[in-house]
Structures are given as structure tokens and as C-alpha cells.
């Protein structure tokens, strides 16, 4: 896949997780903990760090922007 797209599988997966997280944050009233569970992260701090690393915003900042 990398040869055709220039992206690794991990990059594709991370992009899909971030896209899903963004959709859920903007279209639902689920808490950050519920979003964490929905996306199968072990804890909310791990999800928040992952989200911030990929978007430069916390999930709450993204939701309320």
C-alpha cells in the first residue's frame, strides 16, 4: 500500500480514527470518556494525547471551536 499511496498502514489507521473521533465529537453529546470507550482506547488521557498529537487540539477544544 505504501508504494501506491506513500502512506503506511499505521498512518491510514490513525487518519481513520481521527476522522471518526472528529465526527463523533461534532455530532454527539457523548462525554470524552464515552468517545474514548467507543474508539477502544484504554483511558481518556491516552485518547486525548493521541488526538492532540494529530490535530494540535484537545478533543474538548475541537468540539467547542
PDB file of N, CA and C in Angstrom:
ATOM      1  N   UNK A   1       0.822  -1.190   0.000  1.00  0.00           N
ATOM      2  CA  UNK A   1       0.000   0.000   0.000  1.00  0.00           C
ATOM      3  C   UNK A   1       0.869   1.259   0.000  1.00  0.00           C
ATOM      4  N   UNK A   2       1.975   1.225   0.705  1.00  0.00           N
ATOM      5  CA  UNK A   2       2.839   2.396   0.778  1.00  0.00           C
ATOM      6  C   UNK A   2       3.345   2.786  -0.606  1.00  0.00           C
ATOM      7  N   UNK A   3       3.623   1.790  -1.439  1.00  0.00           N
ATOM      8  CA  UNK A   3       4.131   2.100  -2.775  1.00  0.00           C
ATOM      9  C   UNK A   3       3.126   2.912  -3.581  1.00  0.00           C
ATOM     10  N   UNK A   4       1.837   2.596  -3.439  1.00  0.00           N
ATOM     11  CA  UNK A   4       0.817   3.294  -4.213  1.00  0.00           C
ATOM     12  C   UNK A   4       0.446   4.647  -3.621  1.00  0.00           C
ATOM     13  N   UNK A   5       0.430   4.754  -2.291  1.00  0.00           N
ATOM     14  CA  UNK A   5      -0.092   5.964  -1.658  1.00  0.00           C
ATOM     15  C   UNK A   5       0.959   6.810  -0.956  1.00  0.00           C
ATOM     16  N   UNK A   6       2.087   6.213  -0.619  1.00  0.00           N
ATOM     17  CA  UNK A   6       3.087   6.928   0.150  1.00  0.00           C
ATOM     18  C   UNK A   6       2.800   6.953   1.636  1.00  0.00           C
ATOM     19  N   UNK A   7       1.714   6.299   2.065  1.00  0.00           N
ATOM     20  CA  UNK A   7       1.326   6.265   3.473  1.00  0.00           C
ATOM     21  C   UNK A   7       1.409   4.843   3.999  1.00  0.00           C
ATOM     22  N   UNK A   8       1.881   4.732   5.230  1.00  0.00           N
ATOM     23  CA  UNK A   8       1.921   3.413   5.865  1.00  0.00           C
ATOM     24  C   UNK A   8       0.520   3.023   6.340  1.00  0.00           C
ATOM     25  N   UNK A   9       0.366   1.758   6.645  1.00  0.00           N
ATOM     26  CA  UNK A   9      -0.909   1.275   7.183  1.00  0.00           C
ATOM     27  C   UNK A   9      -1.244   2.015   8.474  1.00  0.00           C
ATOM     28  N   UNK A  10      -0.252   2.216   9.334  1.00  0.00           N
ATOM     29  CA  UNK A  10      -0.488   2.921  10.594  1.00  0.00           C
ATOM     30  C   UNK A  10      -1.002   4.332  10.349  1.00  0.00           C
ATOM     31  N   UNK A  11      -0.460   5.005   9.361  1.00  0.00           N
ATOM     32  CA  UNK A  11      -0.924   6.361   9.022  1.00  0.00           C
ATOM     33  C   UNK A  11      -2.391   6.327   8.574  1.00  0.00           C
ATOM     34  N   UNK A  12      -2.760   5.354   7.748  1.00  0.00           N
ATOM     35  CA  UNK A  12      -4.155   5.211   7.313  1.00  0.00           C
ATOM     36  C   UNK A  12      -5.078   4.953   8.506  1.00  0.00           C
ATOM     37  N   UNK A  13      -4.658   4.076   9.399  1.00  0.00           N
ATOM     38  CA  UNK A  13      -5.472   3.750  10.571  1.00  0.00           C
ATOM     39  C   UNK A  13      -5.632   4.985  11.456  1.00  0.00           C
ATOM     40  N   UNK A  14      -4.530   5.680  11.736  1.00  0.00           N
ATOM     41  CA  UNK A  14      -4.600   6.877  12.571  1.00  0.00           C
ATOM     42  C   UNK A  14      -5.514   7.930  11.962  1.00  0.00           C
ATOM     43  N   UNK A  15      -5.436   8.119  10.663  1.00  0.00           N
ATOM     44  CA  UNK A  15      -6.308   9.090   9.990  1.00  0.00           C
ATOM     45  C   UNK A  15      -7.771   8.689  10.112  1.00  0.00           C
ATOM     46  N   UNK A  16      -8.057   7.398  10.005  1.00  0.00           N
ATOM     47  CA  UNK A  16      -9.434   6.921  10.127  1.00  0.00           C
ATOM     48  C   UNK A  16      -9.944   7.117  11.556  1.00  0.00           C
ATOM     49  N   UNK A  17      -9.111   6.839  12.539  1.00  0.00           N
ATOM     50  CA  UNK A  17      -9.508   7.016  13.943  1.00  0.00           C
ATOM     51  C   UNK A  17      -9.771   8.491  14.224  1.00  0.00           C
ATOM     52  N   UNK A  18      -8.906   9.361  13.759  1.00  0.00           N
ATOM     53  CA  UNK A  18      -9.100  10.801  13.971  1.00  0.00           C
ATOM     54  C   UNK A  18     -10.367  11.285  13.272  1.00  0.00           C
ATOM     55  N   UNK A  19     -10.611  10.831  12.060  1.00  0.00           N
ATOM     56  CA  UNK A  19     -11.827  11.233  11.336  1.00  0.00           C
ATOM     57  C   UNK A  19     -13.070  10.790  12.094  1.00  0.00           C
ATOM     58  N   UNK A  20     -13.057   9.574  12.614  1.00  0.00           N
ATOM     59  CA  UNK A  20     -14.198   9.071  13.375  1.00  0.00           C
ATOM     60  C   UNK A  20     -14.363   9.868  14.669  1.00  0.00           C
ATOM     61  N   UNK A  21     -13.257  10.131  15.353  1.00  0.00           N
ATOM     62  CA  UNK A  21     -13.312  10.910  16.588  1.00  0.00           C
ATOM     63  C   UNK A  21     -13.883  12.301  16.330  1.00  0.00           C
ATOM     64  N   UNK A  22     -13.428  12.959  15.284  1.00  0.00           N
ATOM     65  CA  UNK A  22     -13.923  14.294  14.943  1.00  0.00           C
ATOM     66  C   UNK A  22     -15.426  14.260  14.670  1.00  0.00           C
ATOM     67  N   UNK A  23     -15.865  13.250  13.916  1.00  0.00           N
ATOM     68  CA  UNK A  23     -17.290  13.122  13.605  1.00  0.00           C
ATOM     69  C   UNK A  23     -18.107  12.961  14.882  1.00  0.00           C
ATOM     70  N   UNK A  24     -17.679  12.065  15.753  1.00  0.00           N
ATOM     71  CA  UNK A  24     -18.412  11.807  16.996  1.00  0.00           C
ATOM     72  C   UNK A  24     -18.419  13.048  17.885  1.00  0.00           C
ATOM     73  N   UNK A  25     -17.284  13.727  17.991  1.00  0.00           N
ATOM     74  CA  UNK A  25     -17.210  14.913  18.837  1.00  0.00           C
ATOM     75  C   UNK A  25     -18.138  16.018  18.350  1.00  0.00           C
ATOM     76  N   UNK A  26     -18.257  16.168  17.047  1.00  0.00           N
ATOM     77  CA  UNK A  26     -19.097  17.245  16.491  1.00  0.00           C
ATOM     78  C   UNK A  26     -20.577  16.891  16.405  1.00  0.00           C
ATOM     79  N   UNK A  27     -20.911  15.609  16.351  1.00  0.00           N
ATOM     80  CA  UNK A  27     -22.300  15.220  16.082  1.00  0.00           C
ATOM     81  C   UNK A  27     -22.995  14.536  17.243  1.00  0.00           C
ATOM     82  N   UNK A  28     -22.332  14.436  18.384  1.00  0.00           N
ATOM     83  CA  UNK A  28     -22.972  13.776  19.531  1.00  0.00           C
ATOM     84  C   UNK A  28     -22.690  14.556  20.800  1.00  0.00           C
ATOM     85  N   UNK A  29     -23.400  14.169  21.836  1.00  0.00           N
ATOM     86  CA  UNK A  29     -23.172  14.752  23.152  1.00  0.00           C
ATOM     87  C   UNK A  29     -22.448  13.774  24.062  1.00  0.00           C
ATOM     88  N   UNK A  30     -21.802  12.775  23.480  1.00  0.00           N
ATOM     89  CA  UNK A  30     -21.072  11.807  24.292  1.00  0.00           C
ATOM     90  C   UNK A  30     -19.939  12.509  25.031  1.00  0.00           C
ATOM     91  N   UNK A  31     -19.686  12.065  26.246  1.00  0.00           N
ATOM     92  CA  UNK A  31     -18.563  12.607  27.003  1.00  0.00           C
ATOM     93  C   UNK A  31     -17.254  12.139  26.371  1.00  0.00           C
ATOM     94  N   UNK A  32     -16.162  12.778  26.754  1.00  0.00           N
ATOM     95  CA  UNK A  32     -14.849  12.371  26.257  1.00  0.00           C
ATOM     96  C   UNK A  32     -14.584  10.922  26.661  1.00  0.00           C
ATOM     97  N   UNK A  33     -14.992  10.539  27.863  1.00  0.00           N
ATOM     98  CA  UNK A  33     -14.815   9.160  28.321  1.00  0.00           C
ATOM     99  C   UNK A  33     -15.608   8.194  27.440  1.00  0.00           C
ATOM    100  N   UNK A  34     -16.811   8.565  27.061  1.00  0.00           N
ATOM    101  CA  UNK A  34     -17.610   7.708  26.185  1.00  0.00           C
ATOM    102  C   UNK A  34     -17.000   7.605  24.785  1.00  0.00           C
ATOM    103  N   UNK A  35     -16.460   8.697  24.293  1.00  0.00           N
ATOM    104  CA  UNK A  35     -15.778   8.669  22.997  1.00  0.00           C
ATOM    105  C   UNK A  35     -14.541   7.778  23.094  1.00  0.00           C
ATOM    106  N   UNK A  36     -13.824   7.906  24.202  1.00  0.00           N
ATOM    107  CA  UNK A  36     -12.655   7.055  24.457  1.00  0.00           C
ATOM    108  C   UNK A  36     -13.035   5.585  24.372  1.00  0.00           C
ATOM    109  N   UNK A  37     -14.115   5.219  25.040  1.00  0.00           N
ATOM    110  CA  UNK A  37     -14.579   3.827  25.024  1.00  0.00           C
ATOM    111  C   UNK A  37     -15.029   3.406  23.627  1.00  0.00           C
ATOM    112  N   UNK A  38     -15.748   4.273  22.954  1.00  0.00           N
ATOM    113  CA  UNK A  38     -16.251   3.980  21.611  1.00  0.00           C
ATOM    114  C   UNK A  38     -15.100   3.665  20.646  1.00  0.00           C
ATOM    115  N   UNK A  39     -13.994   4.379  20.808  1.00  0.00           N
ATOM    116  CA  UNK A  39     -12.850   4.210  19.916  1.00  0.00           C
ATOM    117  C   UNK A  39     -11.848   3.184  20.428  1.00  0.00           C
ATOM    118  N   UNK A  40     -12.192   2.516  21.524  1.00  0.00           N
ATOM    119  CA  UNK A  40     -11.390   1.414  22.082  1.00  0.00           C
ATOM    120  C   UNK A  40     -10.018   1.840  22.597  1.00  0.00           C
ATOM    121  N   UNK A  41      -9.929   3.053  23.161  1.00  0.00           N
ATOM    122  CA  UNK A  41      -8.712   3.458  23.850  1.00  0.00           C
ATOM    123  C   UNK A  41      -8.810   2.978  25.290  1.00  0.00           C
ATOM    124  N   UNK A  42      -7.666   2.686  25.912  1.00  0.00           N
ATOM    125  CA  UNK A  42      -7.657   2.172  27.277  1.00  0.00           C
ATOM    126  C   UNK A  42      -8.077   3.212  28.305  1.00  0.00           C
ATOM    127  N   UNK A  43      -7.701   4.453  28.092  1.00  0.00           N
ATOM    128  CA  UNK A  43      -8.130   5.510  29.013  1.00  0.00           C
ATOM    129  C   UNK A  43      -8.192   6.845  28.289  1.00  0.00           C
ATOM    130  N   UNK A  44      -8.897   7.791  28.898  1.00  0.00           N
ATOM    131  CA  UNK A  44      -9.155   9.056  28.219  1.00  0.00           C
ATOM    132  C   UNK A  44      -7.890   9.887  28.048  1.00  0.00           C
ATOM    133  N   UNK A  45      -6.928   9.779  28.970  1.00  0.00           N
ATOM    134  CA  UNK A  45      -5.703  10.567  28.796  1.00  0.00           C
ATOM    135  C   UNK A  45      -4.924  10.101  27.567  1.00  0.00           C
ATOM    136  N   UNK A  46      -4.926   8.802  27.308  1.00  0.00           N
ATOM    137  CA  UNK A  46      -4.273   8.271  26.111  1.00  0.00           C
ATOM    138  C   UNK A  46      -4.974   8.780  24.853  1.00  0.00           C
ATOM    139  N   UNK A  47      -6.297   8.747  24.848  1.00  0.00           N
ATOM    140  CA  UNK A  47      -7.056   9.262  23.706  1.00  0.00           C
ATOM    141  C   UNK A  47      -6.777  10.752  23.507  1.00  0.00           C
ATOM    142  N   UNK A  48      -6.793  11.523  24.586  1.00  0.00           N
ATOM    143  CA  UNK A  48      -6.574  12.967  24.471  1.00  0.00           C
ATOM    144  C   UNK A  48      -5.184  13.283  23.929  1.00  0.00           C
ATOM    145  N   UNK A  49      -4.165  12.563  24.376  1.00  0.00           N
ATOM    146  CA  UNK A  49      -2.806  12.766  23.856  1.00  0.00           C
ATOM    147  C   UNK A  49      -2.739  12.405  22.371  1.00  0.00           C
ATOM    148  N   UNK A  50      -3.345  11.272  22.004  1.00  0.00           N
ATOM    149  CA  UNK A  50      -3.375  10.841  20.604  1.00  0.00           C
ATOM    150  C   UNK A  50      -4.062  11.903  19.743  1.00  0.00           C
ATOM    151  N   UNK A  51      -5.218  12.366  20.199  1.00  0.00           N
ATOM    152  CA  UNK A  51      -5.986  13.348  19.440  1.00  0.00           C
ATOM    153  C   UNK A  51      -5.191  14.642  19.286  1.00  0.00           C
ATOM    154  N   UNK A  52      -4.590  15.117  20.363  1.00  0.00           N
ATOM    155  CA  UNK A  52      -3.828  16.367  20.305  1.00  0.00           C
ATOM    156  C   UNK A  52      -2.596  16.232  19.413  1.00  0.00           C
ATOM    157  N   UNK A  53      -1.953  15.080  19.446  1.00  0.00           N
ATOM    158  CA  UNK A  53      -0.772  14.861  18.601  1.00  0.00           C
ATOM    159  C   UNK A  53      -1.134  14.962  17.125  1.00  0.00           C
ATOM    160  N   UNK A  54      -2.340  14.536  16.768  1.00  0.00           N
ATOM    161  CA  UNK A  54      -2.735  14.512  15.357  1.00  0.00           C
ATOM    162  C   UNK A  54      -3.501  15.746  14.903  1.00  0.00           C
ATOM    163  N   UNK A  55      -4.032  16.534  15.851  1.00  0.00           N
ATOM    164  CA  UNK A  55      -4.847  17.691  15.458  1.00  0.00           C
ATOM    165  C   UNK A  55      -4.360  19.014  16.041  1.00  0.00           C
ATOM    166  N   UNK A  56      -3.418  18.944  16.977  1.00  0.00           N
ATOM    167  CA  UNK A  56      -2.939  20.127  17.706  1.00  0.00           C
ATOM    168  C   UNK A  56      -4.016  20.776  18.557  1.00  0.00           C
ATOM    169  N   UNK A  57      -5.065  20.027  18.871  1.00  0.00           N
ATOM    170  CA  UNK A  57      -6.136  20.485  19.767  1.00  0.00           C
ATOM    171  C   UNK A  57      -6.549  19.328  20.656  1.00  0.00           C
ATOM    172  N   UNK A  58      -7.047  19.664  21.836  1.00  0.00           N
ATOM    173  CA  UNK A  58      -7.628  18.617  22.669  1.00  0.00           C
ATOM    174  C   UNK A  58      -9.004  18.278  22.095  1.00  0.00           C
ATOM    175  N   UNK A  59      -9.562  17.134  22.452  1.00  0.00           N
ATOM    176  CA  UNK A  59     -10.916  16.819  21.988  1.00  0.00           C
ATOM    177  C   UNK A  59     -11.939  17.889  22.384  1.00  0.00           C
ATOM    178  N   UNK A  60     -11.832  18.422  23.585  1.00  0.00           N
ATOM    179  CA  UNK A  60     -12.762  19.463  24.024  1.00  0.00           C
ATOM    180  C   UNK A  60     -12.602  20.728  23.208  1.00  0.00           C
ATOM    181  N   UNK A  61     -11.359  21.136  22.945  1.00  0.00           N
ATOM    182  CA  UNK A  61     -11.124  22.319  22.107  1.00  0.00           C
ATOM    183  C   UNK A  61     -11.718  22.116  20.726  1.00  0.00           C
ATOM    184  N   UNK A  62     -11.548  20.940  20.160  1.00  0.00           N
ATOM    185  CA  UNK A  62     -12.095  20.654  18.833  1.00  0.00           C
ATOM    186  C   UNK A  62     -13.615  20.724  18.857  1.00  0.00           C
ATOM    187  N   UNK A  63     -14.224  20.116  19.859  1.00  0.00           N
ATOM    188  CA  UNK A  63     -15.681  20.067  19.948  1.00  0.00           C
ATOM    189  C   UNK A  63     -16.277  21.467  20.019  1.00  0.00           C
ATOM    190  N   UNK A  64     -15.667  22.363  20.775  1.00  0.00           N
ATOM    191  CA  UNK A  64     -16.255  23.673  21.038  1.00  0.00           C
ATOM    192  C   UNK A  64     -15.658  24.800  20.206  1.00  0.00           C
ATOM    193  N   UNK A  65     -14.888  24.497  19.205  1.00  0.00           N
ATOM    194  CA  UNK A  65     -14.296  25.539  18.357  1.00  0.00           C
ATOM    195  C   UNK A  65     -15.343  26.206  17.494  1.00  0.00           C
TER     196      UNK A  65
END
